[in-house]
PDB file of N, CA and C in Angstrom:
ATOM      1  N   MET A   1       0.841  -1.338  -0.032  1.00  0.00           N
ATOM      2  CA  MET A   1      -0.119  -0.164  -0.041  1.00  0.00           C
ATOM      3  C   MET A   1       0.803   0.970  -0.161  1.00  0.00           C
ATOM      4  N   ASP A   2       0.736   2.551  -0.658  1.00  0.00           N
ATOM      5  CA  ASP A   2       1.538   3.410  -0.892  1.00  0.00           C
ATOM      6  C   ASP A   2       0.581   4.124   0.071  1.00  0.00           C
ATOM      7  N   LEU A   3       1.833   5.238   0.633  1.00  0.00           N
ATOM      8  CA  LEU A   3       1.575   6.415   1.433  1.00  0.00           C
ATOM      9  C   LEU A   3       0.221   7.131   0.984  1.00  0.00           C
ATOM     10  N   ARG A   4       0.250   7.520   0.148  1.00  0.00           N
ATOM     11  CA  ARG A   4      -1.105   8.353  -0.569  1.00  0.00           C
ATOM     12  C   ARG A   4      -2.435   7.600  -0.070  1.00  0.00           C
ATOM     13  N   ARG A   5      -2.460   6.543  -0.431  1.00  0.00           N
ATOM     14  CA  ARG A   5      -3.420   5.591  -0.260  1.00  0.00           C
ATOM     15  C   ARG A   5      -3.625   5.376   1.395  1.00  0.00           C
ATOM     16  N   LEU A   6      -3.017   5.157   2.089  1.00  0.00           N
ATOM     17  CA  LEU A   6      -2.631   4.766   3.585  1.00  0.00           C
ATOM     18  C   LEU A   6      -3.569   5.745   4.081  1.00  0.00           C
ATOM     19  N   ARG A   7      -2.887   7.170   3.820  1.00  0.00           N
ATOM     20  CA  ARG A   7      -3.711   8.404   4.010  1.00  0.00           C
ATOM     21  C   ARG A   7      -4.806   8.944   3.848  1.00  0.00           C
ATOM     22  N   ARG A   8      -5.146   8.574   2.612  1.00  0.00           N
ATOM     23  CA  ARG A   8      -6.665   8.926   2.439  1.00  0.00           C
ATOM     24  C   ARG A   8      -7.666   7.889   3.160  1.00  0.00           C
ATOM     25  N   LEU A   9      -7.257   6.412   3.349  1.00  0.00           N
ATOM     26  CA  LEU A   9      -8.177   5.783   3.833  1.00  0.00           C
ATOM     27  C   LEU A   9      -8.477   6.158   5.660  1.00  0.00           C
ATOM     28  N   ARG A  10      -7.215   6.424   5.892  1.00  0.00           N
ATOM     29  CA  ARG A  10      -7.297   6.995   7.406  1.00  0.00           C
ATOM     30  C   ARG A  10      -8.005   8.195   7.536  1.00  0.00           C
ATOM     31  N   SER A  11      -8.040   9.019   6.544  1.00  0.00           N
ATOM     32  CA  SER A  11      -8.788  10.493   6.745  1.00  0.00           C
ATOM     33  C   SER A  11     -10.281  10.154   6.712  1.00  0.00           C
ATOM     34  N   GLN A  12     -10.649   8.879   5.647  1.00  0.00           N
ATOM     35  CA  GLN A  12     -11.648   8.315   5.642  1.00  0.00           C
ATOM     36  C   GLN A  12     -12.406   7.571   6.753  1.00  0.00           C
ATOM     37  N   GLY A  13     -11.558   7.395   7.596  1.00  0.00           N
ATOM     38  CA  GLY A  13     -11.760   6.448   9.043  1.00  0.00           C
ATOM     39  C   GLY A  13     -12.005   5.074   8.499  1.00  0.00           C
ATOM     40  N   THR A  14     -11.444   4.548   7.256  1.00  0.00           N
ATOM     41  CA  THR A  14     -11.731   2.859   7.013  1.00  0.00           C
ATOM     42  C   THR A  14     -10.520   2.449   7.054  1.00  0.00           C
ATOM     43  N   TYR A  15      -9.572   3.059   7.702  1.00  0.00           N
ATOM     44  CA  TYR A  15      -8.179   2.239   8.038  1.00  0.00           C
ATOM     45  C   TYR A  15      -7.840   2.787   9.141  1.00  0.00           C
ATOM     46  N   GLN A  16      -7.191   1.922  10.437  1.00  0.00           N
ATOM     47  CA  GLN A  16      -6.445   2.465  11.513  1.00  0.00           C
ATOM     48  C   GLN A  16      -5.080   1.809  11.383  1.00  0.00           C
ATOM     49  N   THR A  17      -4.044   2.554  11.521  1.00  0.00           N
ATOM     50  CA  THR A  17      -2.697   2.018  11.776  1.00  0.00           C
ATOM     51  C   THR A  17      -2.543   1.193  13.110  1.00  0.00           C
ATOM     52  N   ARG A  18      -1.732   0.357  12.962  1.00  0.00           N
ATOM     53  CA  ARG A  18      -1.463  -0.651  14.228  1.00  0.00           C
ATOM     54  C   ARG A  18      -0.553  -0.540  14.382  1.00  0.00           C
ATOM     55  N   ILE A  19       0.654  -0.115  15.444  1.00  0.00           N
ATOM     56  CA  ILE A  19       1.640   0.130  16.014  1.00  0.00           C
ATOM     57  C   ILE A  19       2.228  -1.078  16.600  1.00  0.00           C
ATOM     58  N   THR A  20       2.976  -1.764  16.240  1.00  0.00           N
ATOM     59  CA  THR A  20       3.545  -3.026  17.087  1.00  0.00           C
ATOM     60  C   THR A  20       4.291  -2.704  18.501  1.00  0.00           C
ATOM     61  N   THR A  21       4.007  -3.817  19.557  1.00  0.00           N
ATOM     62  CA  THR A  21       4.574  -3.150  20.629  1.00  0.00           C
ATOM     63  C   THR A  21       6.240  -3.105  20.416  1.00  0.00           C
ATOM     64  N   PRO A  22       7.122  -3.869  19.888  1.00  0.00           N
ATOM     65  CA  PRO A  22       8.721  -3.423  19.692  1.00  0.00           C
ATOM     66  C   PRO A  22       8.531  -2.189  18.767  1.00  0.00           C
ATOM     67  N   ALA A  23       7.752  -1.840  18.006  1.00  0.00           N
ATOM     68  CA  ALA A  23       8.013  -0.596  17.583  1.00  0.00           C
ATOM     69  C   ALA A  23       7.566   0.837  18.731  1.00  0.00           C
ATOM     70  N   LYS A  24       6.670   0.479  19.469  1.00  0.00           N
ATOM     71  CA  LYS A  24       6.427   1.433  20.399  1.00  0.00           C
ATOM     72  C   LYS A  24       7.506   1.631  21.518  1.00  0.00           C
ATOM     73  N   VAL A  25       8.110   0.454  21.631  1.00  0.00           N
ATOM     74  CA  VAL A  25       9.381   0.128  22.658  1.00  0.00           C
ATOM     75  C   VAL A  25      10.566   1.044  22.361  1.00  0.00           C
ATOM     76  N   GLU A  26      10.747   1.012  20.706  1.00  0.00           N
ATOM     77  CA  GLU A  26      11.887   1.942  20.127  1.00  0.00           C
ATOM     78  C   GLU A  26      11.489   3.041  20.365  1.00  0.00           C
ATOM     79  N   ALA A  27      10.295   3.631  19.782  1.00  0.00           N
ATOM     80  CA  ALA A  27      10.129   4.852  19.833  1.00  0.00           C
ATOM     81  C   ALA A  27      10.101   5.377  21.053  1.00  0.00           C
ATOM     82  N   ARG A  28       9.614   4.856  21.955  1.00  0.00           N
ATOM     83  CA  ARG A  28       9.825   5.470  23.381  1.00  0.00           C
ATOM     84  C   ARG A  28      11.388   5.691  24.079  1.00  0.00           C
ATOM     85  N   LYS A  29      12.353   4.615  23.515  1.00  0.00           N
ATOM     86  CA  LYS A  29      13.560   4.806  23.853  1.00  0.00           C
ATOM     87  C   LYS A  29      14.166   5.836  22.730  1.00  0.00           C
ATOM     88  N   ASP A  30      13.441   6.390  21.919  1.00  0.00           N
ATOM     89  CA  ASP A  30      13.977   7.487  20.934  1.00  0.00           C
ATOM     90  C   ASP A  30      13.346   8.832  21.632  1.00  0.00           C
ATOM     91  N   GLY A  31      12.563   8.914  22.520  1.00  0.00           N
ATOM     92  CA  GLY A  31      11.681   9.919  23.072  1.00  0.00           C
ATOM     93  C   GLY A  31      10.481  10.256  22.452  1.00  0.00           C
ATOM     94  N   LEU A  32       9.689   9.258  21.381  1.00  0.00           N
ATOM     95  CA  LEU A  32       8.828   9.777  20.835  1.00  0.00           C
ATOM     96  C   LEU A  32       7.526   8.756  21.379  1.00  0.00           C
ATOM     97  N   THR A  33       6.476   9.959  21.086  1.00  0.00           N
ATOM     98  CA  THR A  33       5.265   9.083  21.672  1.00  0.00           C
ATOM     99  C   THR A  33       4.249   8.474  20.458  1.00  0.00           C
ATOM    100  N   GLU A  34       3.157   7.611  20.614  1.00  0.00           N
ATOM    101  CA  GLU A  34       2.211   7.002  19.513  1.00  0.00           C
ATOM    102  C   GLU A  34       1.819   8.481  18.786  1.00  0.00           C
ATOM    103  N   GLY A  35       1.424   9.350  19.366  1.00  0.00           N
ATOM    104  CA  GLY A  35       1.186  10.718  19.002  1.00  0.00           C
ATOM    105  C   GLY A  35       2.274  11.154  17.920  1.00  0.00           C
ATOM    106  N   ASP A  36       3.439  11.056  18.307  1.00  0.00           N
ATOM    107  CA  ASP A  36       4.417  11.554  17.360  1.00  0.00           C
ATOM    108  C   ASP A  36       4.504  10.867  15.920  1.00  0.00           C
ATOM    109  N   LEU A  37       4.389   9.095  16.463  1.00  0.00           N
ATOM    110  CA  LEU A  37       4.276   8.236  15.259  1.00  0.00           C
ATOM    111  C   LEU A  37       3.358   8.292  14.221  1.00  0.00           C
ATOM    112  N   ASP A  38       1.949   8.665  14.840  1.00  0.00           N
ATOM    113  CA  ASP A  38       0.662   8.946  13.928  1.00  0.00           C
ATOM    114  C   ASP A  38       0.882  10.093  13.470  1.00  0.00           C
ATOM    115  N   HIS A  39       1.255  11.351  13.720  1.00  0.00           N
ATOM    116  CA  HIS A  39       1.653  12.597  13.094  1.00  0.00           C
ATOM    117  C   HIS A  39       2.583  12.506  11.710  1.00  0.00           C
ATOM    118  N   ALA A  40       3.656  11.343  12.086  1.00  0.00           N
ATOM    119  CA  ALA A  40       4.651  11.324  10.994  1.00  0.00           C
ATOM    120  C   ALA A  40       3.962  10.248   9.920  1.00  0.00           C
ATOM    121  N   VAL A  41       2.792   9.759  10.127  1.00  0.00           N
ATOM    122  CA  VAL A  41       2.144   8.566   9.028  1.00  0.00           C
ATOM    123  C   VAL A  41       1.541   9.948   8.364  1.00  0.00           C
ATOM    124  N   GLN A  42       0.943  10.839   8.947  1.00  0.00           N
ATOM    125  CA  GLN A  42      -0.202  11.509   8.200  1.00  0.00           C
ATOM    126  C   GLN A  42       0.638  12.912   7.794  1.00  0.00           C
ATOM    127  N   HIS A  43       1.436  13.242   8.219  1.00  0.00           N
ATOM    128  CA  HIS A  43       2.019  14.315   7.602  1.00  0.00           C
ATOM    129  C   HIS A  43       3.947  14.437   7.143  1.00  0.00           C
ATOM    130  N   GLY A  44       4.427  13.122   7.343  1.00  0.00           N
ATOM    131  CA  GLY A  44       5.937  12.976   7.061  1.00  0.00           C
ATOM    132  C   GLY A  44       5.961  12.818   5.549  1.00  0.00           C
ATOM    133  N   GLN A  45       7.451  12.532   5.137  1.00  0.00           N
ATOM    134  CA  GLN A  45       7.675  12.031   3.763  1.00  0.00           C
ATOM    135  C   GLN A  45       8.628  10.615   3.726  1.00  0.00           C
ATOM    136  N   VAL A  46       8.315  10.225   2.820  1.00  0.00           N
ATOM    137  CA  VAL A  46       9.573   9.033   2.766  1.00  0.00           C
ATOM    138  C   VAL A  46      10.730   9.373   2.033  1.00  0.00           C
ATOM    139  N   ILE A  47      11.752   9.159   2.803  1.00  0.00           N
ATOM    140  CA  ILE A  47      13.183   9.789   2.490  1.00  0.00           C
ATOM    141  C   ILE A  47      13.856   8.661   2.055  1.00  0.00           C
ATOM    142  N   GLU A  48      13.474   7.301   2.002  1.00  0.00           N
ATOM    143  CA  GLU A  48      14.128   6.310   1.392  1.00  0.00           C
ATOM    144  C   GLU A  48      13.184   5.311   1.172  1.00  0.00           C
ATOM    145  N   ASP A  49      12.953   4.582   0.009  1.00  0.00           N
ATOM    146  CA  ASP A  49      12.088   3.717  -0.396  1.00  0.00           C
ATOM    147  C   ASP A  49      12.685   2.181  -0.607  1.00  0.00           C
TER     148      ASP A  49
END
């Protein structure tokens, strides 16, 4: 699934991103919250594909 489609589905409320527990643990180690991760999905850009 490409990022544009994911964002469109999320904005329509038809798709919910699931963040795995290991990803949450690593994010916390880096000082990031689940809200930060959600914001990155909605507004970030892919820097390496």
